[in-house]
Amino acid sequence: MRNGGIRMENIIVSMNHISKSFPGVKALDDVSFELREGEVMALLGENGAGKSTLMKVLSGVYTRDEGTLTIRGKEYGDLTPKLAREVGVAIIHQELNMCRDLTVAENMFLGREVMNGISLNNAQMDAEAKKYMDELGVDISPRQIVGDLPVSKQQMIEIAKALSVNAKILIMDEPTSALTSREIEELFRIIHKLKADGHGIVYISHRLEELSHIADRVTIMRDGQFIESGNFKDYTMDEIISLMVGREIKEKFPRIPAHRGEKVFEVKDLNAGRMVRDINFSLYAGEIVGFAGLMGAGRTETTRAIFGVDKKTSGRFFLDGKEIRIDKPFDAIKAGVVLAPEDRKKDGLCTKLSVRHNLALPNLDWICGAGGIVSAAKEEELCDKAVESLSIKTSGLEVDANTLSGGNQQKIVVGKWLARTSRVVIFDEPTRGIDVGAKVEIYHLMNQLKEQGIAVMFVSSEMPEILGFSDRIIVMCDGRITGELDAKNATQNEVLKLATAFESKLGV
C-alpha cells in the first residue's frame, strides 16, 4: 500500500470491511475504501471486480451485508438513495438517466420541483439551473430540450444537478466512454474546478491513459476484494494493470502476423442517408481491418447499412466473389455477415432474458428440429461452447444478461455468432467500457477469427487500439472514405490528417 501521509480530517468517506452477496455470487468480500476532500480517487479493476457494487452501497442502491460506512465523520446504517443524496452523494452513470423530452431545468429539478402555489415556478427553476451552469462555466440554456443535446452536454447537466442538491461526493462511472477528445478536455476542466472547490470525486474508468491528467490516488479491486491503494504517481501503468488482473499482461495489443488470403467480402458504391456516401472497400481472409475516424464520421452508420439495419439507397455486396442481397439483418445473418453493435445493451442483447436465451435466440434455425421444437442438446452445446471459449463469467446460464459486467455482456454479443459459419464479423467499438483484461480476450477472439480465414472489420474510437491491433486501417470523414493505411507503418498524425480531410473524400 502506497498511501503517503494521510490527513485524517480530510477523509469524507470511509468504508471498512464491506461485504455484499447475491445468490451464488459474493460481489464484495471485506473491502475497504476511503475518499478525501478535494481529490480524484480512481477506482480501478476488471469488469466484475466489484467497483459498481461498492459504489451502489455508497449511493444507497444496495444495502451491505457487513461492514461500516462513515460519511463526514458520521456513521450510517443502511442508506437509501434518498438518504445518500441528502448526505451529499451523487452518482453520474455511464448510461445517463435523462428525460429526453424535458428541458434542462425540468430535468435538474425532476422530483423536487419549485412550486408557485399550485403551479410550477419555471422562472425560478430556470434561474437556478442557469446559476449552476454558469458555476461550471458551461453555456447551456435552461430551456433547451435535453434530447437535442450531445451526450457531453447531458453529462454537464447531471453534474450541475448534483451541485444543485449540494452533493460533495461525486461518483463518475465511465464518464468519457462516449466523448470526443475535445469533450474529454472540457470534462477534465470541470473536474479540476470541482476538486478546487473541495468536492471528492470517485472516478471509474477503463481508459487508464487518461488518469494521469486527473487522478490523485488510486484504489484497485479484483474479484470483489480490495487489492491496494496509494498515490497515483507512485505507480507505473504496467503495475496498475498487473494489480487489476492478477497477472502480467505482456502485450497490450496481441497482434499476430497477417497473411492476406483471398478476397472474402466486397462493398461497392454503398449509400445510406447523409452519413454513408459512396463507400467502397474489400475485406480479405487473414487480416483485421480497423475503421478509424472522428465521432460523426459515419463508421457506425456504415456497419448498420451493411448489416441491413438501416435502409440503403444504393450499393452491392459480394461474398467469396458472388453477389449477395442484404435488405434486412436476417439476410446478412443467413449469408454469414454478422455484427456486434456499438450499443450492446440496446442493439446486441435482450437484457431481461437469460444468458442461455441470448446465446440461443439468433441461432434458432440451427438448434430447432422438426416442427420448430428447440433441441435441448444442441442448445446446451452451443451455450457451453460460447461460455467456455470466451471465458464468460456467470453464475449460470439462467441468470439475466443484465446482471453481468460490461465485458461479459460483450462476450455474449460475440458468442451468439460463434455457432454459425460466419464469413464476415463486424465489431463496432468492441472494447468500449470493458477492462484491460477483457479487452485482451476480445483481441484474442478476433485473432482466432482471423486465423480461421474469417474477414474481420472493427470500428474503434481509440487511436492506440486502431494503430496497435489493425493490419490495415481505413479512415472515414464526413460519411466517406478518405484513405487507407498499412497499420504497421501508420502514425497517429497520418490517421488524424485523413480523419479531418473534409475536402478529399476518396473511394477505396
Protein backbone atom coordinates (compact mmCIF):
# COMPACT_ATOMS: atom_id res chain seq x y z
CA MET A 1 0.00 0.00 0.00
CA ARG A 2 1.47 3.36 -1.07
CA ASN A 3 -0.63 5.84 0.84
CA GLY A 4 1.86 8.58 1.75
CA GLY A 5 0.78 10.84 4.61
CA ILE A 6 -2.98 10.67 5.23
CA ARG A 7 -4.60 13.67 6.86
CA MET A 8 -7.50 12.04 8.68
CA GLU A 9 -9.52 15.26 8.92
CA ASN A 10 -9.79 15.35 5.12
CA ILE A 11 -11.38 11.89 4.79
CA ILE A 12 -15.03 12.39 3.80
CA VAL A 13 -15.92 8.75 3.03
CA SER A 14 -14.67 5.75 4.97
CA MET A 15 -15.95 2.26 4.09
CA ASN A 16 -14.49 -0.54 6.21
CA HIS A 17 -14.75 -4.34 5.78
CA ILE A 18 -17.72 -4.10 3.39
CA SER A 19 -19.19 -7.40 2.19
CA LYS A 20 -22.14 -7.98 -0.12
CA SER A 21 -23.50 -11.24 -1.56
CA PHE A 22 -26.07 -12.09 -4.20
CA PRO A 23 -27.44 -15.58 -4.87
CA GLY A 24 -24.44 -17.66 -5.93
CA VAL A 25 -22.02 -14.69 -6.02
CA LYS A 26 -20.01 -12.84 -3.35
CA ALA A 27 -19.73 -9.44 -5.03
CA LEU A 28 -17.78 -7.73 -2.22
CA ASP A 29 -15.52 -9.54 0.23
CA ASP A 30 -14.11 -7.45 3.12
CA VAL A 31 -13.50 -4.30 1.04
CA SER A 32 -12.22 -1.02 2.49
CA PHE A 33 -12.23 2.33 0.69
CA GLU A 34 -11.51 5.98 1.52
CA LEU A 35 -12.18 9.26 -0.27
CA ARG A 36 -10.74 12.63 0.72
CA GLU A 37 -11.97 16.15 0.21
CA GLY A 38 -10.68 17.81 -2.97
CA GLU A 39 -9.28 14.69 -4.65
CA VAL A 40 -9.99 12.41 -7.58
CA MET A 41 -9.84 8.79 -6.48
CA ALA A 42 -9.52 6.42 -9.44
CA LEU A 43 -11.40 3.20 -8.61
CA LEU A 44 -9.97 0.52 -10.88
CA GLY A 45 -10.50 -3.15 -11.58
CA GLU A 46 -11.65 -5.54 -14.26
CA ASN A 47 -15.33 -5.90 -15.11
CA GLY A 48 -16.86 -7.87 -12.27
CA ALA A 49 -14.23 -6.71 -9.76
CA GLY A 50 -16.95 -5.14 -7.58
CA LYS A 51 -16.40 -1.42 -8.31
CA SER A 52 -20.00 -0.66 -9.26
CA THR A 53 -21.37 -2.76 -6.39
CA LEU A 54 -19.22 -0.85 -3.89
CA MET A 55 -20.42 2.48 -5.27
CA LYS A 56 -24.04 1.29 -5.17
CA VAL A 57 -23.56 0.60 -1.45
CA LEU A 58 -22.22 4.15 -1.04
CA SER A 59 -25.11 5.64 -3.04
CA GLY A 60 -27.80 3.63 -1.22
CA VAL A 61 -28.84 1.37 -4.09
CA TYR A 62 -27.60 -1.76 -2.28
CA THR A 63 -27.50 -2.48 1.44
CA ARG A 64 -24.29 -4.08 2.70
CA ASP A 65 -24.23 -7.42 4.50
CA GLU A 66 -21.27 -6.49 6.70
CA GLY A 67 -19.00 -3.54 7.42
CA THR A 68 -19.26 0.10 8.41
CA LEU A 69 -19.87 3.27 6.39
CA THR A 70 -18.87 6.73 7.62
CA ILE A 71 -19.58 9.97 5.73
CA ARG A 72 -18.04 13.20 7.03
CA GLY A 73 -17.35 11.62 10.42
CA LYS A 74 -20.85 10.24 10.97
CA GLU A 75 -21.51 6.51 10.78
CA TYR A 76 -24.60 5.45 8.83
CA GLY A 77 -26.61 2.26 8.90
CA ASP A 78 -28.47 1.23 5.78
CA LEU A 79 -28.50 4.10 3.29
CA THR A 80 -31.34 4.61 0.84
CA PRO A 81 -30.86 6.54 -2.43
CA LYS A 82 -32.81 9.43 -0.89
CA LEU A 83 -30.70 9.50 2.29
CA ALA A 84 -27.48 9.20 0.26
CA ARG A 85 -28.48 12.28 -1.75
CA GLU A 86 -29.30 14.14 1.45
CA VAL A 87 -25.83 13.47 2.87
CA GLY A 88 -24.19 14.68 -0.35
CA VAL A 89 -23.62 11.59 -2.53
CA ALA A 90 -24.40 11.79 -6.26
CA ILE A 91 -23.67 9.24 -8.98
CA ILE A 92 -23.33 10.06 -12.66
CA HIS A 93 -23.95 6.84 -14.55
CA GLN A 94 -22.36 5.68 -17.80
CA GLU A 95 -25.86 5.45 -19.28
CA LEU A 96 -27.25 8.87 -18.39
CA ASN A 97 -30.67 8.90 -16.72
CA MET A 98 -32.19 11.87 -18.51
CA CYS A 99 -35.77 12.52 -19.64
CA ARG A 100 -35.01 13.40 -23.23
CA ASP A 101 -38.29 15.26 -23.92
CA LEU A 102 -37.95 17.62 -20.95
CA THR A 103 -35.91 20.81 -20.72
CA VAL A 104 -32.57 21.15 -18.93
CA ALA A 105 -34.22 22.87 -15.94
CA GLU A 106 -37.06 20.33 -15.78
CA ASN A 107 -34.51 17.50 -15.66
CA MET A 108 -32.47 19.19 -12.96
CA PHE A 109 -35.50 19.70 -10.70
CA LEU A 110 -37.36 16.49 -11.52
CA GLY A 111 -38.93 15.17 -8.31
CA ARG A 112 -38.17 18.36 -6.38
CA GLU A 113 -39.96 20.94 -8.48
CA VAL A 114 -40.22 24.53 -7.25
CA MET A 115 -43.89 25.48 -6.90
CA ASN A 116 -45.66 28.81 -7.04
CA GLY A 117 -48.88 27.94 -5.31
CA ILE A 118 -50.38 25.12 -7.34
CA SER A 119 -48.32 25.77 -10.47
CA LEU A 120 -44.67 25.26 -11.37
CA ASN A 121 -42.34 28.17 -10.83
CA ASN A 122 -40.48 27.72 -14.12
CA ALA A 123 -38.78 31.12 -13.90
CA GLN A 124 -37.10 30.26 -10.60
CA MET A 125 -36.07 26.78 -11.78
CA ASP A 126 -34.62 28.28 -14.98
CA ALA A 127 -32.69 30.86 -12.95
CA GLU A 128 -31.34 28.21 -10.57
CA ALA A 129 -30.34 25.92 -13.45
CA LYS A 130 -28.53 28.80 -15.16
CA LYS A 131 -26.70 29.64 -11.93
CA TYR A 132 -25.22 26.14 -11.66
CA MET A 133 -24.39 26.03 -15.38
CA ASP A 134 -22.57 29.35 -15.03
CA GLU A 135 -20.76 27.98 -11.98
CA LEU A 136 -19.40 25.18 -14.15
CA GLY A 137 -18.60 27.57 -16.99
CA VAL A 138 -20.96 25.74 -19.35
CA ASP A 139 -23.09 27.57 -21.92
CA ILE A 140 -26.37 25.61 -21.97
CA SER A 141 -29.80 27.25 -21.98
CA PRO A 142 -32.14 26.03 -19.19
CA ARG A 143 -34.97 25.90 -21.76
CA GLN A 144 -33.05 23.61 -24.13
CA ILE A 145 -34.65 20.19 -24.73
CA VAL A 146 -32.23 17.61 -23.35
CA GLY A 147 -32.77 15.15 -26.22
CA ASP A 148 -31.40 17.72 -28.65
CA LEU A 149 -28.08 17.95 -26.79
CA PRO A 150 -24.99 15.75 -27.29
CA VAL A 151 -24.00 13.26 -24.60
CA SER A 152 -21.23 15.56 -23.35
CA LYS A 153 -23.71 18.36 -22.61
CA GLN A 154 -26.12 15.94 -20.94
CA GLN A 155 -23.25 14.88 -18.70
CA MET A 156 -22.66 18.50 -17.68
CA ILE A 157 -26.36 18.76 -16.78
CA GLU A 158 -26.00 15.73 -14.49
CA ILE A 159 -23.02 17.36 -12.79
CA ALA A 160 -24.91 20.65 -12.42
CA LYS A 161 -27.85 18.72 -10.97
CA ALA A 162 -25.53 17.13 -8.39
CA LEU A 163 -24.24 20.58 -7.41
CA SER A 164 -27.79 21.89 -7.09
CA VAL A 165 -28.51 19.35 -4.33
CA ASN A 166 -25.22 20.27 -2.61
CA ALA A 167 -23.51 16.97 -3.43
CA LYS A 168 -19.90 16.93 -2.23
CA ILE A 169 -19.20 13.30 -3.16
CA LEU A 170 -19.43 12.69 -6.91
CA ILE A 171 -19.19 9.21 -8.44
CA MET A 172 -18.38 9.24 -12.16
CA ASP A 173 -18.81 5.88 -13.91
CA GLU A 174 -17.01 5.69 -17.29
CA PRO A 175 -17.70 9.39 -17.97
CA THR A 176 -15.61 9.62 -21.16
CA SER A 177 -16.76 6.45 -22.94
CA ALA A 178 -18.89 8.36 -25.49
CA LEU A 179 -16.99 11.66 -25.64
CA THR A 180 -14.68 13.14 -28.26
CA SER A 181 -11.18 14.26 -27.29
CA ARG A 182 -12.30 17.90 -27.14
CA GLU A 183 -15.28 16.99 -24.93
CA ILE A 184 -12.97 14.99 -22.65
CA GLU A 185 -10.77 18.06 -22.23
CA GLU A 186 -13.86 20.07 -21.22
CA LEU A 187 -14.88 17.39 -18.70
CA PHE A 188 -11.39 17.41 -17.19
CA ARG A 189 -11.59 21.19 -16.83
CA ILE A 190 -14.81 20.75 -14.87
CA ILE A 191 -13.26 18.01 -12.72
CA HIS A 192 -10.28 20.22 -11.81
CA LYS A 193 -12.70 23.00 -10.84
CA LEU A 194 -14.74 20.63 -8.66
CA LYS A 195 -11.54 19.45 -6.95
CA ALA A 196 -10.53 23.04 -6.24
CA ASP A 197 -13.96 23.63 -4.68
CA GLY A 198 -13.43 20.74 -2.26
CA HIS A 199 -15.52 18.02 -3.89
CA GLY A 200 -14.39 14.42 -3.56
CA ILE A 201 -14.65 12.52 -6.86
CA VAL A 202 -14.66 8.76 -7.37
CA TYR A 203 -13.64 8.16 -10.98
CA ILE A 204 -14.27 4.75 -12.57
CA SER A 205 -12.70 4.24 -15.99
CA HIS A 206 -11.14 1.58 -18.19
CA ARG A 207 -9.28 4.25 -20.16
CA LEU A 208 -6.18 4.11 -17.99
CA GLU A 209 -4.19 6.51 -20.15
CA GLU A 210 -6.48 9.42 -19.21
CA LEU A 211 -5.96 9.02 -15.45
CA SER A 212 -2.61 10.83 -15.44
CA HIS A 213 -4.50 14.06 -16.23
CA ILE A 214 -6.82 13.97 -13.22
CA ALA A 215 -6.19 11.18 -10.68
CA ASP A 216 -4.63 11.92 -7.28
CA ARG A 217 -4.93 8.46 -5.76
CA VAL A 218 -5.94 5.00 -6.91
CA THR A 219 -7.81 2.09 -5.31
CA ILE A 220 -7.54 -1.25 -7.09
CA MET A 221 -10.05 -4.11 -6.73
CA ARG A 222 -10.04 -7.66 -8.06
CA ASP A 223 -12.66 -10.41 -7.77
CA GLY A 224 -14.68 -8.47 -5.19
CA GLN A 225 -11.70 -7.78 -2.95
CA PHE A 226 -9.59 -4.74 -2.07
CA ILE A 227 -6.09 -5.17 -3.53
CA GLU A 228 -4.18 -1.95 -2.99
CA SER A 229 -4.49 1.82 -2.59
CA GLY A 230 -1.97 4.61 -2.98
CA ASN A 231 -0.88 7.80 -4.70
CA PHE A 232 -1.40 7.52 -8.46
CA LYS A 233 2.02 8.99 -9.27
CA ASP A 234 3.72 6.16 -7.37
CA TYR A 235 2.53 3.51 -9.86
CA THR A 236 3.54 2.68 -13.41
CA MET A 237 0.75 1.75 -15.81
CA ASP A 238 2.10 -1.80 -16.04
CA GLU A 239 1.94 -2.11 -12.24
CA ILE A 240 -1.69 -0.94 -12.20
CA ILE A 241 -2.67 -3.40 -14.92
CA SER A 242 -0.87 -6.26 -13.17
CA LEU A 243 -2.66 -5.50 -9.87
CA MET A 244 -6.02 -5.29 -11.66
CA VAL A 245 -5.80 -8.60 -13.48
CA GLY A 246 -3.60 -10.52 -11.02
CA ARG A 247 -1.06 -11.31 -13.71
CA GLU A 248 1.29 -9.52 -16.04
CA ILE A 249 -0.15 -8.64 -19.44
CA LYS A 250 2.92 -8.76 -21.61
CA GLU A 251 1.32 -7.41 -24.75
CA LYS A 252 -1.48 -4.84 -24.72
CA PHE A 253 -2.36 -5.43 -28.38
CA PRO A 254 -1.57 -9.08 -29.22
CA ARG A 255 -1.44 -8.69 -32.98
CA ILE A 256 -0.45 -11.83 -34.86
CA PRO A 257 1.21 -11.76 -38.30
CA ALA A 258 -1.15 -11.08 -41.19
CA HIS A 259 -1.12 -13.41 -44.20
CA ARG A 260 -3.64 -11.90 -46.55
CA GLY A 261 -5.60 -14.60 -48.35
CA GLU A 262 -8.46 -14.48 -50.83
CA LYS A 263 -10.91 -11.61 -51.01
CA VAL A 264 -13.84 -12.56 -48.76
CA PHE A 265 -16.15 -9.55 -48.81
CA GLU A 266 -16.53 -6.51 -51.04
CA VAL A 267 -18.70 -3.41 -50.69
CA LYS A 268 -19.38 -1.38 -53.83
CA ASP A 269 -20.96 2.08 -54.10
CA LEU A 270 -22.81 1.90 -50.78
CA ASN A 271 -25.01 4.89 -49.93
CA ALA A 272 -27.39 5.20 -46.97
CA GLY A 273 -28.56 8.62 -45.83
CA ARG A 274 -26.19 11.52 -45.28
CA MET A 275 -23.54 9.61 -43.32
CA VAL A 276 -22.82 6.75 -45.76
CA ARG A 277 -21.74 8.05 -49.14
CA ASP A 278 -20.05 6.17 -51.97
CA ILE A 279 -18.40 3.57 -49.72
CA ASN A 280 -16.10 1.09 -51.47
CA PHE A 281 -13.76 -1.37 -49.73
CA SER A 282 -12.78 -5.03 -49.56
CA LEU A 283 -12.00 -7.42 -46.69
CA TYR A 284 -9.60 -10.35 -47.05
CA ALA A 285 -9.03 -13.60 -45.18
CA GLY A 286 -6.19 -13.46 -42.69
CA GLU A 287 -6.34 -9.76 -41.81
CA ILE A 288 -8.14 -7.43 -39.43
CA VAL A 289 -9.26 -4.10 -40.86
CA GLY A 290 -9.75 -1.19 -38.46
CA PHE A 291 -12.07 1.68 -39.35
CA ALA A 292 -10.90 4.99 -37.90
CA GLY A 293 -12.42 8.45 -37.85
CA LEU A 294 -13.77 11.14 -35.58
CA MET A 295 -17.20 10.98 -33.97
CA GLY A 296 -19.80 11.55 -36.69
CA ALA A 297 -17.57 10.22 -39.48
CA GLY A 298 -20.18 7.62 -40.47
CA ARG A 299 -18.42 4.44 -39.37
CA THR A 300 -21.28 3.05 -37.25
CA GLU A 301 -23.80 4.05 -39.93
CA THR A 302 -21.73 2.09 -42.46
CA THR A 303 -21.82 -1.08 -40.33
CA ARG A 304 -25.59 -0.71 -39.88
CA ALA A 305 -26.14 -0.28 -43.63
CA ILE A 306 -24.04 -3.36 -44.40
CA PHE A 307 -25.92 -5.44 -41.83
CA GLY A 308 -29.30 -4.29 -43.18
CA VAL A 309 -30.38 -2.38 -40.08
CA ASP A 310 -30.61 0.93 -41.96
CA LYS A 311 -32.07 1.16 -45.42
CA LYS A 312 -29.54 1.79 -48.17
CA THR A 313 -30.28 3.89 -51.25
CA SER A 314 -27.71 2.01 -53.35
CA GLY A 315 -24.89 -0.47 -53.02
CA ARG A 316 -23.80 -4.01 -53.86
CA PHE A 317 -22.22 -6.70 -51.68
CA PHE A 318 -20.04 -9.61 -52.81
CA LEU A 319 -19.18 -12.61 -50.63
CA ASP A 320 -16.50 -15.00 -51.91
CA GLY A 321 -16.89 -13.46 -55.35
CA LYS A 322 -20.67 -13.90 -55.56
CA GLU A 323 -23.16 -11.05 -55.21
CA ILE A 324 -25.46 -11.31 -52.19
CA ARG A 325 -28.51 -9.25 -51.33
CA ILE A 326 -28.85 -7.71 -47.87
CA ASP A 327 -32.04 -5.76 -47.21
CA LYS A 328 -32.52 -6.69 -43.56
CA PRO A 329 -30.43 -8.24 -40.76
CA PHE A 330 -31.79 -11.74 -41.38
CA ASP A 331 -30.41 -11.59 -44.94
CA ALA A 332 -26.97 -10.73 -43.58
CA ILE A 333 -27.04 -13.41 -40.88
CA LYS A 334 -28.17 -16.05 -43.37
CA ALA A 335 -25.36 -15.08 -45.74
CA GLY A 336 -22.77 -15.21 -42.96
CA VAL A 337 -22.26 -11.47 -42.36
CA VAL A 338 -22.77 -10.64 -38.65
CA LEU A 339 -22.47 -7.55 -36.46
CA ALA A 340 -21.52 -6.96 -32.82
CA PRO A 341 -23.11 -3.48 -32.50
CA GLU A 342 -21.81 -0.37 -30.74
CA ASP A 343 -24.63 -0.20 -28.17
CA ARG A 344 -24.61 -3.74 -26.84
CA LYS A 345 -27.42 -3.19 -24.32
CA LYS A 346 -29.78 -1.56 -26.81
CA ASP A 347 -29.00 -3.47 -30.00
CA GLY A 348 -26.92 -6.52 -29.09
CA LEU A 349 -28.69 -8.05 -26.09
CA CYS A 350 -32.10 -8.80 -24.66
CA THR A 351 -31.05 -7.71 -21.17
CA LYS A 352 -34.12 -9.16 -19.43
CA LEU A 353 -33.54 -12.59 -20.96
CA SER A 354 -31.11 -15.17 -19.64
CA VAL A 355 -27.60 -15.78 -20.88
CA ARG A 356 -28.90 -19.02 -22.42
CA HIS A 357 -31.68 -17.31 -24.37
CA ASN A 358 -29.41 -14.52 -25.59
CA LEU A 359 -26.96 -17.05 -26.99
CA ALA A 360 -29.67 -19.25 -28.49
CA LEU A 361 -32.06 -16.65 -29.91
CA PRO A 362 -30.27 -15.80 -33.19
CA ASN A 363 -29.48 -19.49 -33.74
CA LEU A 364 -32.98 -20.93 -33.58
CA ASP A 365 -32.74 -22.00 -37.23
CA TRP A 366 -29.80 -24.24 -36.22
CA ILE A 367 -30.96 -25.58 -32.84
CA CYS A 368 -34.61 -26.22 -33.76
CA GLY A 369 -35.63 -29.60 -35.08
CA ALA A 370 -38.73 -30.69 -36.95
CA GLY A 371 -41.83 -28.71 -36.05
CA GLY A 372 -39.78 -25.83 -34.67
CA ILE A 373 -39.00 -27.55 -31.36
CA VAL A 374 -35.74 -26.50 -29.72
CA SER A 375 -33.21 -29.29 -29.34
CA ALA A 376 -32.09 -29.07 -25.73
CA ALA A 377 -28.87 -30.93 -26.55
CA LYS A 378 -27.91 -28.54 -29.37
CA GLU A 379 -28.80 -25.52 -27.24
CA GLU A 380 -26.67 -26.82 -24.37
CA GLU A 381 -23.77 -27.50 -26.72
CA LEU A 382 -23.98 -24.00 -28.22
CA CYS A 383 -24.14 -22.25 -24.84
CA ASP A 384 -21.41 -24.34 -23.20
CA LYS A 385 -19.08 -23.74 -26.15
CA ALA A 386 -19.61 -19.97 -26.03
CA VAL A 387 -19.14 -19.72 -22.24
CA GLU A 388 -16.01 -21.89 -22.28
CA SER A 389 -14.29 -20.46 -25.36
CA LEU A 390 -14.88 -16.84 -24.34
CA SER A 391 -14.41 -17.35 -20.57
CA ILE A 392 -17.78 -15.71 -19.84
CA LYS A 393 -18.01 -15.14 -16.08
CA THR A 394 -21.52 -16.04 -14.99
CA SER A 395 -23.02 -17.97 -12.10
CA GLY A 396 -25.17 -19.90 -14.58
CA LEU A 397 -26.87 -19.84 -17.96
CA GLU A 398 -30.21 -18.91 -16.43
CA VAL A 399 -29.20 -15.53 -14.96
CA ASP A 400 -30.35 -12.39 -16.78
CA ALA A 401 -27.77 -10.89 -19.14
CA ASN A 402 -28.33 -7.54 -17.42
CA THR A 403 -26.70 -8.84 -14.23
CA LEU A 404 -23.33 -9.42 -15.92
CA SER A 405 -20.49 -6.95 -16.22
CA GLY A 406 -20.00 -4.95 -19.42
CA GLY A 407 -17.13 -7.15 -20.59
CA ASN A 408 -19.12 -10.34 -20.13
CA GLN A 409 -22.12 -8.82 -21.89
CA GLN A 410 -19.85 -8.03 -24.84
CA LYS A 411 -18.68 -11.63 -24.89
CA ILE A 412 -22.30 -12.82 -25.12
CA VAL A 413 -22.88 -10.49 -28.08
CA VAL A 414 -19.91 -12.10 -29.84
CA GLY A 415 -20.58 -15.62 -28.56
CA LYS A 416 -24.00 -15.90 -30.15
CA TRP A 417 -22.38 -15.74 -33.60
CA LEU A 418 -19.73 -18.39 -32.92
CA ALA A 419 -22.11 -21.28 -33.62
CA ARG A 420 -22.73 -20.03 -37.14
CA THR A 421 -20.46 -20.48 -40.14
CA SER A 422 -19.99 -16.73 -40.40
CA ARG A 423 -17.67 -15.43 -43.12
CA VAL A 424 -17.61 -11.76 -42.06
CA VAL A 425 -17.66 -10.49 -38.46
CA ILE A 426 -18.06 -6.75 -37.91
CA PHE A 427 -17.22 -5.31 -34.49
CA ASP A 428 -18.40 -1.79 -33.70
CA GLU A 429 -16.49 -0.39 -30.67
CA PRO A 430 -15.91 -3.94 -29.32
CA THR A 431 -13.88 -2.85 -26.28
CA ARG A 432 -15.82 0.24 -25.20
CA GLY A 433 -16.44 0.21 -21.46
CA ILE A 434 -14.62 -3.05 -20.73
CA ASP A 435 -11.48 -3.60 -18.69
CA VAL A 436 -7.96 -4.21 -19.93
CA GLY A 437 -8.05 -7.96 -19.27
CA ALA A 438 -11.36 -8.40 -21.11
CA LYS A 439 -10.03 -6.26 -23.97
CA VAL A 440 -7.14 -8.65 -24.49
CA GLU A 441 -9.59 -11.58 -24.50
CA ILE A 442 -11.63 -9.83 -27.22
CA TYR A 443 -8.42 -9.25 -29.21
CA HIS A 444 -7.55 -12.94 -28.89
CA LEU A 445 -11.03 -13.82 -30.14
CA MET A 446 -10.59 -11.55 -33.17
CA ASN A 447 -7.22 -13.21 -33.83
CA GLN A 448 -8.90 -16.63 -33.70
CA LEU A 449 -11.41 -15.50 -36.32
CA LYS A 450 -8.56 -14.10 -38.43
CA GLU A 451 -6.69 -17.43 -38.28
CA GLN A 452 -9.86 -19.25 -39.37
CA GLY A 453 -9.99 -17.18 -42.56
CA ILE A 454 -12.95 -15.07 -41.42
CA ALA A 455 -12.93 -11.45 -42.60
CA VAL A 456 -12.80 -9.16 -39.55
CA MET A 457 -13.73 -5.48 -39.59
CA PHE A 458 -13.77 -3.35 -36.49
CA VAL A 459 -14.65 0.24 -35.66
CA SER A 460 -12.83 1.95 -32.81
CA SER A 461 -12.56 5.49 -31.49
CA GLU A 462 -9.38 4.66 -29.56
CA MET A 463 -6.38 5.60 -31.67
CA PRO A 464 -3.89 3.31 -29.82
CA GLU A 465 -6.24 0.37 -30.46
CA ILE A 466 -6.59 1.15 -34.16
CA LEU A 467 -2.83 1.55 -34.60
CA GLY A 468 -1.87 -1.32 -32.30
CA PHE A 469 -4.24 -4.06 -33.44
CA SER A 470 -5.25 -3.46 -37.07
CA ASP A 471 -3.46 -4.97 -40.05
CA ARG A 472 -4.94 -2.36 -42.35
CA ILE A 473 -6.65 0.94 -41.49
CA ILE A 474 -9.46 2.55 -43.46
CA VAL A 475 -10.21 6.14 -42.43
CA MET A 476 -13.56 7.91 -42.78
CA CYS A 477 -14.56 11.56 -42.63
CA ASP A 478 -17.99 13.12 -43.09
CA GLY A 479 -19.60 9.93 -44.38
CA ARG A 480 -16.90 8.97 -46.89
CA ILE A 481 -13.65 7.03 -47.02
CA THR A 482 -10.68 9.39 -47.17
CA GLY A 483 -7.79 6.95 -47.20
CA GLU A 484 -6.24 3.58 -46.42
CA LEU A 485 -3.04 2.85 -44.49
CA ASP A 486 -0.85 -0.14 -43.70
CA ALA A 487 -1.13 -0.22 -39.90
CA LYS A 488 2.48 -1.32 -39.36
CA ASN A 489 3.79 1.92 -40.84
CA ALA A 490 0.89 4.25 -39.96
CA THR A 491 1.22 7.10 -37.50
CA GLN A 492 -1.37 8.91 -35.43
CA ASN A 493 -0.77 12.11 -37.41
CA GLU A 494 -1.47 10.33 -40.71
CA VAL A 495 -4.73 8.89 -39.38
CA LEU A 496 -5.84 12.27 -37.97
CA LYS A 497 -4.98 14.03 -41.23
CA LEU A 498 -7.25 11.65 -43.14
CA ALA A 499 -9.92 11.81 -40.39
CA THR A 500 -10.15 15.59 -40.89
CA ALA A 501 -9.85 15.58 -44.70
CA PHE A 502 -13.28 17.09 -45.33
CA GLU A 503 -12.33 18.24 -48.81
CA SER A 504 -10.80 14.99 -50.10
CA LYS A 505 -13.20 12.08 -49.69
CA LEU A 506 -11.98 9.11 -51.69
CA GLY A 507 -13.30 5.71 -52.74
CA VAL A 508 -11.02 2.90 -51.59
